[in-house]
Amino acid sequence: MYPPPMPAEPLRPVTPEEVRAFHRDGAVLIKAVLAPEWVDLLCEGLDVAIAEPDVLSESLGTLRVDQFPAARSPALRRIVDDSPVPEIVGCALRSTVRFYMDQPFYKPKGRFLPTPWHQDTCYYNLAGHDLIRAWVSPDRVPRNVSLEVVRGSHLWNATYSPLAGRDPDTDPAAKAMLEGAVADRPMLGVESYEDWTYWSGVKDKSLPAVPDIEGHRDSYDILGWDYEPGDVLLFHGHILHSALGGVESPTPRRAHASLWAGQDVRYLHRPGQVIPDPVALYAHEPRSGQPLSDFPDVFPVGWALPGS
């Protein structure tokens, strides 16, 4: 049985002002661009992913995060491959974009804990400026439990230490992994990714700590939004962001975040790799500095800039 036809185009174009806002601020909410059919499919895919956690699933307080759900969910695969999301992303970035990976985020109804301020860059083996996240939800997400960002922090030219990962100051094996890291060896001498469950999971403490934004909120220009189903929230891969909490929510918060790479993005093996590379990449034995276009079977083009 073939899947039903779905509108491949956004309900409206991304406007020049929205493009300017993304590049200036590092994030923008694109209102009312996904048709209800896509929202329904997103709901279906997220419910399956949430009900069927895999070995990469993590519970962080009230937040549950999985990795690569589109690889096992046909509904989320269609969101990545066939929905208007790649076009919306590429138009905002003004670049051909390749799909890198995706994650579902789930908070059950009840008291939401806040998500600490962090930056995504340090969690992935990537380098380059043209990184963009598309965050979508089948749920209404009010400002008091939604994402917020430090406006312009994607331009600070800084990579901060990850909040997650094994601490080399207290874990001798983690310290040995960091000390033995070689930039052009993707597996740090491990025989196969199965032997190390895909990644090192070590916190790279050579990077600077995330600034204490929450303790000095008045010193930063913080953006946030009321999100409605059908919206697409775009934010830069380098931007500092968090999610508010400390309130009781009568409904859960389900979200799908996909990460997309523009043409300047290269592979960079980080000594403290917290989130795994896509499994198919390990067979290529990537070296730092290689463009993602060297691996088209792993990172397919999601949307091509006209004339490129």
C-alpha atoms as a PDB file:
ATOM      1  CA  MET A   1       0.000   0.000   0.000  1.00  0.00           C
ATOM      2  CA  TYR A   2       1.452   3.341  -1.033  1.00  0.00           C
ATOM      3  CA  PRO A   3       1.482   6.207   1.490  1.00  0.00           C
ATOM      4  CA  PRO A   4      -1.081   8.933   0.797  1.00  0.00           C
ATOM      5  CA  PRO A   5       0.088  11.976  -1.183  1.00  0.00           C
ATOM      6  CA  MET A   6       1.187  14.909   0.952  1.00  0.00           C
ATOM      7  CA  PRO A   7       1.833  18.569   0.057  1.00  0.00           C
ATOM      8  CA  ALA A   8       5.553  18.808  -0.697  1.00  0.00           C
ATOM      9  CA  GLU A   9       5.669  22.610  -0.583  1.00  0.00           C
ATOM     10  CA  PRO A  10       5.476  24.873   2.474  1.00  0.00           C
ATOM     11  CA  LEU A  11       2.103  26.552   2.955  1.00  0.00           C
ATOM     12  CA  ARG A  12       3.899  29.835   2.285  1.00  0.00           C
ATOM     13  CA  PRO A  13       7.425  30.938   1.329  1.00  0.00           C
ATOM     14  CA  VAL A  14      10.044  31.807   3.906  1.00  0.00           C
ATOM     15  CA  THR A  15      10.170  35.609   3.816  1.00  0.00           C
ATOM     16  CA  PRO A  16      13.305  37.743   3.337  1.00  0.00           C
ATOM     17  CA  GLU A  17      12.777  39.190   6.825  1.00  0.00           C
ATOM     18  CA  GLU A  18      12.694  35.690   8.321  1.00  0.00           C
ATOM     19  CA  VAL A  19      15.932  34.847   6.515  1.00  0.00           C
ATOM     20  CA  ARG A  20      17.547  38.039   7.832  1.00  0.00           C
ATOM     21  CA  ALA A  21      16.309  37.280  11.342  1.00  0.00           C
ATOM     22  CA  PHE A  22      17.843  33.802  11.279  1.00  0.00           C
ATOM     23  CA  HIS A  23      21.263  35.047  10.176  1.00  0.00           C
ATOM     24  CA  ARG A  24      21.196  38.063  12.512  1.00  0.00           C
ATOM     25  CA  ASP A  25      19.736  36.449  15.646  1.00  0.00           C
ATOM     26  CA  GLY A  26      20.636  32.779  15.135  1.00  0.00           C
ATOM     27  CA  ALA A  27      17.022  31.623  15.418  1.00  0.00           C
ATOM     28  CA  VAL A  28      13.611  32.357  13.960  1.00  0.00           C
ATOM     29  CA  LEU A  29      10.103  30.954  14.290  1.00  0.00           C
ATOM     30  CA  ILE A  30       8.583  30.317  10.852  1.00  0.00           C
ATOM     31  CA  LYS A  31       4.836  30.472  11.485  1.00  0.00           C
ATOM     32  CA  ALA A  32       2.186  28.300   9.831  1.00  0.00           C
ATOM     33  CA  VAL A  33       4.232  26.571   7.097  1.00  0.00           C
ATOM     34  CA  LEU A  34       3.455  22.869   7.596  1.00  0.00           C
ATOM     35  CA  ALA A  35       0.139  21.461   6.414  1.00  0.00           C
ATOM     36  CA  PRO A  36      -2.001  19.553   8.963  1.00  0.00           C
ATOM     37  CA  GLU A  37      -1.195  16.270   7.185  1.00  0.00           C
ATOM     38  CA  TRP A  38       2.462  16.671   8.099  1.00  0.00           C
ATOM     39  CA  VAL A  39       1.601  17.534  11.704  1.00  0.00           C
ATOM     40  CA  ASP A  40      -0.486  14.351  11.928  1.00  0.00           C
ATOM     41  CA  LEU A  41       2.372  12.276  10.481  1.00  0.00           C
ATOM     42  CA  LEU A  42       4.814  13.899  12.913  1.00  0.00           C
ATOM     43  CA  CYS A  43       2.510  12.939  15.776  1.00  0.00           C
ATOM     44  CA  GLU A  44       2.385   9.341  14.541  1.00  0.00           C
ATOM     45  CA  GLY A  45       6.154   9.067  14.167  1.00  0.00           C
ATOM     46  CA  LEU A  46       6.937  10.615  17.540  1.00  0.00           C
ATOM     47  CA  ASP A  47       4.448   8.426  19.377  1.00  0.00           C
ATOM     48  CA  VAL A  48       6.082   5.311  17.929  1.00  0.00           C
ATOM     49  CA  ALA A  49       9.595   6.536  18.750  1.00  0.00           C
ATOM     50  CA  ILE A  50       8.582   7.429  22.301  1.00  0.00           C
ATOM     51  CA  ALA A  51       6.873   4.063  22.855  1.00  0.00           C
ATOM     52  CA  GLU A  52       9.817   2.076  21.504  1.00  0.00           C
ATOM     53  CA  PRO A  53      13.104   3.390  22.975  1.00  0.00           C
ATOM     54  CA  ASP A  54      16.318   1.951  21.581  1.00  0.00           C
ATOM     55  CA  VAL A  55      19.796   1.457  23.035  1.00  0.00           C
ATOM     56  CA  LEU A  56      20.644   5.132  22.475  1.00  0.00           C
ATOM     57  CA  SER A  57      17.686   6.406  24.498  1.00  0.00           C
ATOM     58  CA  GLU A  58      18.526   8.637  27.478  1.00  0.00           C
ATOM     59  CA  SER A  59      16.410  10.015  30.299  1.00  0.00           C
ATOM     60  CA  LEU A  60      17.649  13.375  31.567  1.00  0.00           C
ATOM     61  CA  GLY A  61      15.375  14.321  34.441  1.00  0.00           C
ATOM     62  CA  THR A  62      11.934  14.819  32.888  1.00  0.00           C
ATOM     63  CA  LEU A  63      13.407  14.886  29.366  1.00  0.00           C
ATOM     64  CA  ARG A  64      13.812  11.799  27.199  1.00  0.00           C
ATOM     65  CA  VAL A  65      16.110  11.972  24.172  1.00  0.00           C
ATOM     66  CA  ASP A  66      16.729   9.332  21.492  1.00  0.00           C
ATOM     67  CA  GLN A  67      19.097   9.367  18.526  1.00  0.00           C
ATOM     68  CA  PHE A  68      18.422   8.742  14.803  1.00  0.00           C
ATOM     69  CA  PRO A  69      14.688   7.918  15.086  1.00  0.00           C
ATOM     70  CA  ALA A  70      14.132   8.439  11.336  1.00  0.00           C
ATOM     71  CA  ALA A  71      16.291   5.368  10.751  1.00  0.00           C
ATOM     72  CA  ARG A  72      13.597   3.193  12.343  1.00  0.00           C
ATOM     73  CA  SER A  73      10.394   5.210  11.898  1.00  0.00           C
ATOM     74  CA  PRO A  74       8.868   5.388   8.382  1.00  0.00           C
ATOM     75  CA  ALA A  75       6.754   8.367   9.458  1.00  0.00           C
ATOM     76  CA  LEU A  76       9.739  10.391  10.684  1.00  0.00           C
ATOM     77  CA  ARG A  77      11.714   9.294   7.614  1.00  0.00           C
ATOM     78  CA  ARG A  78       9.031  10.913   5.480  1.00  0.00           C
ATOM     79  CA  ILE A  79       9.287  14.106   7.554  1.00  0.00           C
ATOM     80  CA  VAL A  80      13.011  14.203   6.778  1.00  0.00           C
ATOM     81  CA  ASP A  81      12.829  13.120   3.133  1.00  0.00           C
ATOM     82  CA  ASP A  82       9.527  14.366   1.751  1.00  0.00           C
ATOM     83  CA  SER A  83       8.124  17.139   3.920  1.00  0.00           C
ATOM     84  CA  PRO A  84       8.665  20.884   3.358  1.00  0.00           C
ATOM     85  CA  VAL A  85      11.160  20.954   6.253  1.00  0.00           C
ATOM     86  CA  PRO A  86      14.333  20.576   4.099  1.00  0.00           C
ATOM     87  CA  GLU A  87      13.193  23.383   1.772  1.00  0.00           C
ATOM     88  CA  ILE A  88      12.383  25.665   4.710  1.00  0.00           C
ATOM     89  CA  VAL A  89      15.811  24.931   6.209  1.00  0.00           C
ATOM     90  CA  GLY A  90      17.678  25.500   2.930  1.00  0.00           C
ATOM     91  CA  CYS A  91      15.832  28.727   2.154  1.00  0.00           C
ATOM     92  CA  ALA A  92      16.639  30.141   5.591  1.00  0.00           C
ATOM     93  CA  LEU A  93      20.282  29.073   5.433  1.00  0.00           C
ATOM     94  CA  ARG A  94      20.537  30.163   1.768  1.00  0.00           C
ATOM     95  CA  SER A  95      22.408  26.956   1.009  1.00  0.00           C
ATOM     96  CA  THR A  96      22.064  23.436  -0.309  1.00  0.00           C
ATOM     97  CA  VAL A  97      21.567  21.319   2.817  1.00  0.00           C
ATOM     98  CA  ARG A  98      22.413  17.733   3.726  1.00  0.00           C
ATOM     99  CA  PHE A  99      20.580  15.761   6.390  1.00  0.00           C
ATOM    100  CA  TYR A 100      22.926  14.915   9.258  1.00  0.00           C
ATOM    101  CA  MET A 101      20.804  13.350  12.004  1.00  0.00           C
ATOM    102  CA  ASP A 102      17.612  13.687  14.030  1.00  0.00           C
ATOM    103  CA  GLN A 103      16.371  13.344  17.606  1.00  0.00           C
ATOM    104  CA  PRO A 104      13.003  13.106  19.368  1.00  0.00           C
ATOM    105  CA  PHE A 105      12.554  15.017  22.640  1.00  0.00           C
ATOM    106  CA  TYR A 106       9.828  14.023  25.073  1.00  0.00           C
ATOM    107  CA  LYS A 107       8.665  15.497  28.369  1.00  0.00           C
ATOM    108  CA  PRO A 108       5.647  13.768  29.985  1.00  0.00           C
ATOM    109  CA  LYS A 109       2.869  15.880  31.446  1.00  0.00           C
ATOM    110  CA  GLY A 110       3.477  17.105  34.963  1.00  0.00           C
ATOM    111  CA  ARG A 111       6.235  19.283  36.287  1.00  0.00           C
ATOM    112  CA  PHE A 112       8.752  20.131  33.564  1.00  0.00           C
ATOM    113  CA  LEU A 113      12.344  20.565  34.666  1.00  0.00           C
ATOM    114  CA  PRO A 114      14.320  23.193  32.743  1.00  0.00           C
ATOM    115  CA  THR A 115      16.882  22.113  30.160  1.00  0.00           C
ATOM    116  CA  PRO A 116      20.227  23.782  31.011  1.00  0.00           C
ATOM    117  CA  TRP A 117      21.828  26.272  28.651  1.00  0.00           C
ATOM    118  CA  HIS A 118      24.063  24.516  26.139  1.00  0.00           C
ATOM    119  CA  GLN A 119      25.410  24.571  22.600  1.00  0.00           C
ATOM    120  CA  ASP A 120      25.017  21.706  20.133  1.00  0.00           C
ATOM    121  CA  THR A 121      28.352  22.089  18.318  1.00  0.00           C
ATOM    122  CA  CYS A 122      30.453  20.266  20.908  1.00  0.00           C
ATOM    123  CA  TYR A 123      28.304  17.111  20.743  1.00  0.00           C
ATOM    124  CA  TYR A 124      28.954  16.284  17.082  1.00  0.00           C
ATOM    125  CA  ASN A 125      31.972  15.531  14.906  1.00  0.00           C
ATOM    126  CA  LEU A 126      31.331  18.573  12.750  1.00  0.00           C
ATOM    127  CA  ALA A 127      33.002  21.892  11.968  1.00  0.00           C
ATOM    128  CA  GLY A 128      31.653  24.794   9.939  1.00  0.00           C
ATOM    129  CA  HIS A 129      29.271  27.696  10.233  1.00  0.00           C
ATOM    130  CA  ASP A 130      26.375  26.474   8.095  1.00  0.00           C
ATOM    131  CA  LEU A 131      24.638  24.266  10.658  1.00  0.00           C
ATOM    132  CA  ILE A 132      20.920  24.576  11.307  1.00  0.00           C
ATOM    133  CA  ARG A 133      18.311  22.796  13.426  1.00  0.00           C
ATOM    134  CA  ALA A 134      14.650  22.417  12.527  1.00  0.00           C
ATOM    135  CA  TRP A 135      12.483  21.908  15.636  1.00  0.00           C
ATOM    136  CA  VAL A 136       8.868  20.852  15.118  1.00  0.00           C
ATOM    137  CA  SER A 137       6.124  19.567  17.399  1.00  0.00           C
ATOM    138  CA  PRO A 138       2.565  18.261  17.043  1.00  0.00           C
ATOM    139  CA  ASP A 139       1.763  20.014  20.344  1.00  0.00           C
ATOM    140  CA  ARG A 140       1.149  23.596  21.315  1.00  0.00           C
ATOM    141  CA  VAL A 141       4.231  24.678  23.294  1.00  0.00           C
ATOM    142  CA  PRO A 142       3.744  27.934  25.219  1.00  0.00           C
ATOM    143  CA  ARG A 143       6.610  30.297  25.899  1.00  0.00           C
ATOM    144  CA  ASN A 144       7.003  29.214  29.516  1.00  0.00           C
ATOM    145  CA  VAL A 145       8.005  25.640  28.526  1.00  0.00           C
ATOM    146  CA  SER A 146       9.454  26.357  25.084  1.00  0.00           C
ATOM    147  CA  LEU A 147      12.945  26.805  23.705  1.00  0.00           C
ATOM    148  CA  GLU A 148      14.831  30.028  24.188  1.00  0.00           C
ATOM    149  CA  VAL A 149      18.135  31.241  22.785  1.00  0.00           C
ATOM    150  CA  VAL A 150      20.764  33.881  23.463  1.00  0.00           C
ATOM    151  CA  ARG A 151      20.325  36.183  20.493  1.00  0.00           C
ATOM    152  CA  GLY A 152      23.469  36.401  18.362  1.00  0.00           C
ATOM    153  CA  SER A 153      25.485  33.808  20.311  1.00  0.00           C
ATOM    154  CA  HIS A 154      25.954  31.779  17.089  1.00  0.00           C
ATOM    155  CA  LEU A 155      28.426  34.522  16.070  1.00  0.00           C
ATOM    156  CA  TRP A 156      30.592  34.382  19.188  1.00  0.00           C
ATOM    157  CA  ASN A 157      33.140  32.057  17.532  1.00  0.00           C
ATOM    158  CA  ALA A 158      33.278  29.815  20.597  1.00  0.00           C
ATOM    159  CA  THR A 159      32.761  26.091  21.173  1.00  0.00           C
ATOM    160  CA  TYR A 160      31.796  25.261  24.745  1.00  0.00           C
ATOM    161  CA  SER A 161      32.313  22.092  26.750  1.00  0.00           C
ATOM    162  CA  PRO A 162      29.412  19.617  26.630  1.00  0.00           C
ATOM    163  CA  LEU A 163      27.284  19.294  29.729  1.00  0.00           C
ATOM    164  CA  ALA A 164      26.893  15.539  29.243  1.00  0.00           C
ATOM    165  CA  GLY A 165      29.488  12.783  29.070  1.00  0.00           C
ATOM    166  CA  ARG A 166      31.885  10.867  31.295  1.00  0.00           C
ATOM    167  CA  ASP A 167      34.052  13.184  33.385  1.00  0.00           C
ATOM    168  CA  PRO A 168      37.796  12.594  32.779  1.00  0.00           C
ATOM    169  CA  ASP A 169      38.572  14.086  36.213  1.00  0.00           C
ATOM    170  CA  THR A 170      36.756  11.235  37.961  1.00  0.00           C
ATOM    171  CA  ASP A 171      36.833   8.434  35.360  1.00  0.00           C
ATOM    172  CA  PRO A 172      40.335   7.079  34.551  1.00  0.00           C
ATOM    173  CA  ALA A 173      39.133   5.323  31.394  1.00  0.00           C
ATOM    174  CA  ALA A 174      37.591   8.533  30.135  1.00  0.00           C
ATOM    175  CA  LYS A 175      40.811  10.410  30.859  1.00  0.00           C
ATOM    176  CA  ALA A 176      42.816   7.802  28.932  1.00  0.00           C
ATOM    177  CA  MET A 177      40.486   8.179  25.967  1.00  0.00           C
ATOM    178  CA  LEU A 178      41.039  11.933  25.875  1.00  0.00           C
ATOM    179  CA  GLU A 179      44.803  11.666  26.297  1.00  0.00           C
ATOM    180  CA  GLY A 180      45.030   9.097  23.512  1.00  0.00           C
ATOM    181  CA  ALA A 181      42.754  10.889  21.066  1.00  0.00           C
ATOM    182  CA  VAL A 182      44.058  11.374  17.542  1.00  0.00           C
ATOM    183  CA  ALA A 183      42.083  13.783  15.357  1.00  0.00           C
ATOM    184  CA  ASP A 184      42.091  11.727  12.161  1.00  0.00           C
ATOM    185  CA  ARG A 185      41.151   8.395  13.768  1.00  0.00           C
ATOM    186  CA  PRO A 186      37.370   8.120  14.113  1.00  0.00           C
ATOM    187  CA  MET A 187      37.373   5.281  16.612  1.00  0.00           C
ATOM    188  CA  LEU A 188      40.466   6.109  18.704  1.00  0.00           C
ATOM    189  CA  GLY A 189      41.904   2.644  18.088  1.00  0.00           C
ATOM    190  CA  VAL A 190      38.762   0.707  18.980  1.00  0.00           C
ATOM    191  CA  GLU A 191      38.358  -2.334  16.714  1.00  0.00           C
ATOM    192  CA  SER A 192      34.705  -1.713  15.826  1.00  0.00           C
ATOM    193  CA  TYR A 193      31.894   0.595  16.826  1.00  0.00           C
ATOM    194  CA  GLU A 194      30.072  -2.326  18.461  1.00  0.00           C
ATOM    195  CA  ASP A 195      32.956  -2.607  20.936  1.00  0.00           C
ATOM    196  CA  TRP A 196      32.400   0.961  22.095  1.00  0.00           C
ATOM    197  CA  THR A 197      28.651   1.343  21.439  1.00  0.00           C
ATOM    198  CA  TYR A 198      29.446   3.831  18.656  1.00  0.00           C
ATOM    199  CA  TRP A 199      31.148   6.615  20.617  1.00  0.00           C
ATOM    200  CA  SER A 200      33.420   7.560  23.505  1.00  0.00           C
ATOM    201  CA  GLY A 201      30.888   9.496  25.564  1.00  0.00           C
ATOM    202  CA  VAL A 202      33.695  11.530  27.171  1.00  0.00           C
ATOM    203  CA  LYS A 203      33.287  15.152  28.196  1.00  0.00           C
ATOM    204  CA  ASP A 204      35.981  17.322  26.576  1.00  0.00           C
ATOM    205  CA  LYS A 205      36.986  19.556  29.470  1.00  0.00           C
ATOM    206  CA  SER A 206      39.632  21.366  27.425  1.00  0.00           C
ATOM    207  CA  LEU A 207      36.815  23.547  26.070  1.00  0.00           C
ATOM    208  CA  PRO A 208      35.534  26.566  28.022  1.00  0.00           C
ATOM    209  CA  ALA A 209      32.506  26.149  30.266  1.00  0.00           C
ATOM    210  CA  VAL A 210      29.112  27.402  29.157  1.00  0.00           C
ATOM    211  CA  PRO A 211      28.558  30.908  30.599  1.00  0.00           C
ATOM    212  CA  ASP A 212      26.209  31.203  33.569  1.00  0.00           C
ATOM    213  CA  ILE A 213      23.355  32.611  31.527  1.00  0.00           C
ATOM    214  CA  GLU A 214      20.587  31.598  33.913  1.00  0.00           C
ATOM    215  CA  GLY A 215      22.326  33.327  36.795  1.00  0.00           C
ATOM    216  CA  HIS A 216      22.680  36.546  34.791  1.00  0.00           C
ATOM    217  CA  ARG A 217      19.633  36.593  32.524  1.00  0.00           C
ATOM    218  CA  ASP A 218      19.455  40.385  32.535  1.00  0.00           C
ATOM    219  CA  SER A 219      22.906  40.534  30.921  1.00  0.00           C
ATOM    220  CA  TYR A 220      21.795  38.609  27.801  1.00  0.00           C
ATOM    221  CA  ASP A 221      19.308  39.227  25.020  1.00  0.00           C
ATOM    222  CA  ILE A 222      17.115  36.121  25.300  1.00  0.00           C
ATOM    223  CA  LEU A 223      14.537  35.161  22.677  1.00  0.00           C
ATOM    224  CA  GLY A 224      11.611  32.782  23.109  1.00  0.00           C
ATOM    225  CA  TRP A 225       8.350  31.966  21.360  1.00  0.00           C
ATOM    226  CA  ASP A 226       4.871  30.560  21.707  1.00  0.00           C
ATOM    227  CA  TYR A 227       4.897  27.586  19.353  1.00  0.00           C
ATOM    228  CA  GLU A 228       1.847  26.240  17.483  1.00  0.00           C
ATOM    229  CA  PRO A 229       1.613  22.991  15.462  1.00  0.00           C
ATOM    230  CA  GLY A 230       2.481  23.784  11.846  1.00  0.00           C
ATOM    231  CA  ASP A 231       5.266  26.184  12.842  1.00  0.00           C
ATOM    232  CA  VAL A 232       8.948  25.392  12.267  1.00  0.00           C
ATOM    233  CA  LEU A 233      11.475  26.741  14.757  1.00  0.00           C
ATOM    234  CA  LEU A 234      14.909  27.155  13.180  1.00  0.00           C
ATOM    235  CA  PHE A 235      18.035  27.731  15.221  1.00  0.00           C
ATOM    236  CA  HIS A 236      21.726  27.771  14.405  1.00  0.00           C
ATOM    237  CA  GLY A 237      23.900  24.815  15.381  1.00  0.00           C
ATOM    238  CA  HIS A 238      26.267  27.097  17.327  1.00  0.00           C
ATOM    239  CA  ILE A 239      23.670  29.067  19.296  1.00  0.00           C
ATOM    240  CA  LEU A 240      23.340  28.810  23.074  1.00  0.00           C
ATOM    241  CA  HIS A 241      19.852  27.584  23.917  1.00  0.00           C
ATOM    242  CA  SER A 242      17.779  26.028  26.677  1.00  0.00           C
ATOM    243  CA  ALA A 243      14.188  25.153  27.522  1.00  0.00           C
ATOM    244  CA  LEU A 244      12.241  26.706  30.344  1.00  0.00           C
ATOM    245  CA  GLY A 245      10.696  24.629  33.101  1.00  0.00           C
ATOM    246  CA  GLY A 246       9.648  24.724  36.710  1.00  0.00           C
ATOM    247  CA  VAL A 247       5.957  24.714  35.806  1.00  0.00           C
ATOM    248  CA  GLU A 248       3.198  22.119  35.759  1.00  0.00           C
ATOM    249  CA  SER A 249       2.089  21.150  32.272  1.00  0.00           C
ATOM    250  CA  PRO A 250      -1.260  19.414  31.742  1.00  0.00           C
ATOM    251  CA  THR A 251       0.013  17.938  28.463  1.00  0.00           C
ATOM    252  CA  PRO A 252       3.274  16.291  27.350  1.00  0.00           C
ATOM    253  CA  ARG A 253       5.763  18.038  25.094  1.00  0.00           C
ATOM    254  CA  ARG A 254       6.768  16.037  22.034  1.00  0.00           C
ATOM    255  CA  ALA A 255       9.278  17.407  19.556  1.00  0.00           C
ATOM    256  CA  HIS A 256      11.423  16.321  16.636  1.00  0.00           C
ATOM    257  CA  ALA A 257      14.699  18.099  15.903  1.00  0.00           C
ATOM    258  CA  SER A 258      16.621  17.469  12.699  1.00  0.00           C
ATOM    259  CA  LEU A 259      20.156  18.741  12.086  1.00  0.00           C
ATOM    260  CA  TRP A 260      21.140  19.963   8.609  1.00  0.00           C
ATOM    261  CA  ALA A 261      24.529  20.934   7.190  1.00  0.00           C
ATOM    262  CA  GLY A 262      25.339  23.511   4.536  1.00  0.00           C
ATOM    263  CA  GLN A 263      28.185  23.444   2.070  1.00  0.00           C
ATOM    264  CA  ASP A 264      31.000  24.608   4.374  1.00  0.00           C
ATOM    265  CA  VAL A 265      30.516  21.847   6.970  1.00  0.00           C
ATOM    266  CA  ARG A 266      33.363  19.362   7.397  1.00  0.00           C
ATOM    267  CA  TYR A 267      33.959  16.250   9.454  1.00  0.00           C
ATOM    268  CA  LEU A 268      35.961  16.948  12.615  1.00  0.00           C
ATOM    269  CA  HIS A 269      36.699  14.180  15.060  1.00  0.00           C
ATOM    270  CA  ARG A 270      36.351  15.623  18.548  1.00  0.00           C
ATOM    271  CA  PRO A 271      38.358  13.988  21.355  1.00  0.00           C
ATOM    272  CA  GLY A 272      35.279  13.852  23.578  1.00  0.00           C
ATOM    273  CA  GLN A 273      32.572  12.528  21.269  1.00  0.00           C
ATOM    274  CA  VAL A 274      29.295  12.460  23.206  1.00  0.00           C
ATOM    275  CA  ILE A 275      26.762  11.704  20.442  1.00  0.00           C
ATOM    276  CA  PRO A 276      27.629   8.992  17.898  1.00  0.00           C
ATOM    277  CA  ASP A 277      28.157   9.502  14.218  1.00  0.00           C
ATOM    278  CA  PRO A 278      25.586   7.877  11.953  1.00  0.00           C
ATOM    279  CA  VAL A 279      26.450   4.174  11.960  1.00  0.00           C
ATOM    280  CA  ALA A 280      26.958   4.039   8.174  1.00  0.00           C
ATOM    281  CA  LEU A 281      29.762   6.610   8.429  1.00  0.00           C
ATOM    282  CA  TYR A 282      32.166   4.329  10.309  1.00  0.00           C
ATOM    283  CA  ALA A 283      32.730   2.103   7.267  1.00  0.00           C
ATOM    284  CA  HIS A 284      34.154   5.151   5.451  1.00  0.00           C
ATOM    285  CA  GLU A 285      36.779   5.816   8.164  1.00  0.00           C
ATOM    286  CA  PRO A 286      36.328   9.594   7.809  1.00  0.00           C
ATOM    287  CA  ARG A 287      39.192  11.969   8.398  1.00  0.00           C
ATOM    288  CA  SER A 288      38.999  15.433   9.877  1.00  0.00           C
ATOM    289  CA  GLY A 289      38.577  18.065   7.194  1.00  0.00           C
ATOM    290  CA  GLN A 290      36.599  15.932   4.745  1.00  0.00           C
ATOM    291  CA  PRO A 291      33.434  17.637   3.456  1.00  0.00           C
ATOM    292  CA  LEU A 292      30.188  15.817   4.121  1.00  0.00           C
ATOM    293  CA  SER A 293      29.703  15.646   0.348  1.00  0.00           C
ATOM    294  CA  ASP A 294      32.392  12.916   0.381  1.00  0.00           C
ATOM    295  CA  PHE A 295      29.764  10.682   2.007  1.00  0.00           C
ATOM    296  CA  PRO A 296      26.573  11.195  -0.045  1.00  0.00           C
ATOM    297  CA  ASP A 297      25.119   7.837   0.984  1.00  0.00           C
ATOM    298  CA  VAL A 298      25.344   8.845   4.659  1.00  0.00           C
ATOM    299  CA  PHE A 299      24.479  12.553   4.315  1.00  0.00           C
ATOM    300  CA  PRO A 300      22.065  12.904   1.387  1.00  0.00           C
ATOM    301  CA  VAL A 301      21.091  16.271  -0.058  1.00  0.00           C
ATOM    302  CA  GLY A 302      17.733  17.239   1.412  1.00  0.00           C
ATOM    303  CA  TRP A 303      17.277  20.394  -0.649  1.00  0.00           C
ATOM    304  CA  ALA A 304      19.444  21.962  -3.344  1.00  0.00           C
ATOM    305  CA  LEU A 305      19.805  25.713  -3.728  1.00  0.00           C
ATOM    306  CA  PRO A 306      18.510  26.607  -7.208  1.00  0.00           C
ATOM    307  CA  GLY A 307      21.400  27.124  -9.606  1.00  0.00           C
ATOM    308  CA  SER A 308      23.936  25.372  -7.364  1.00  0.00           C
END
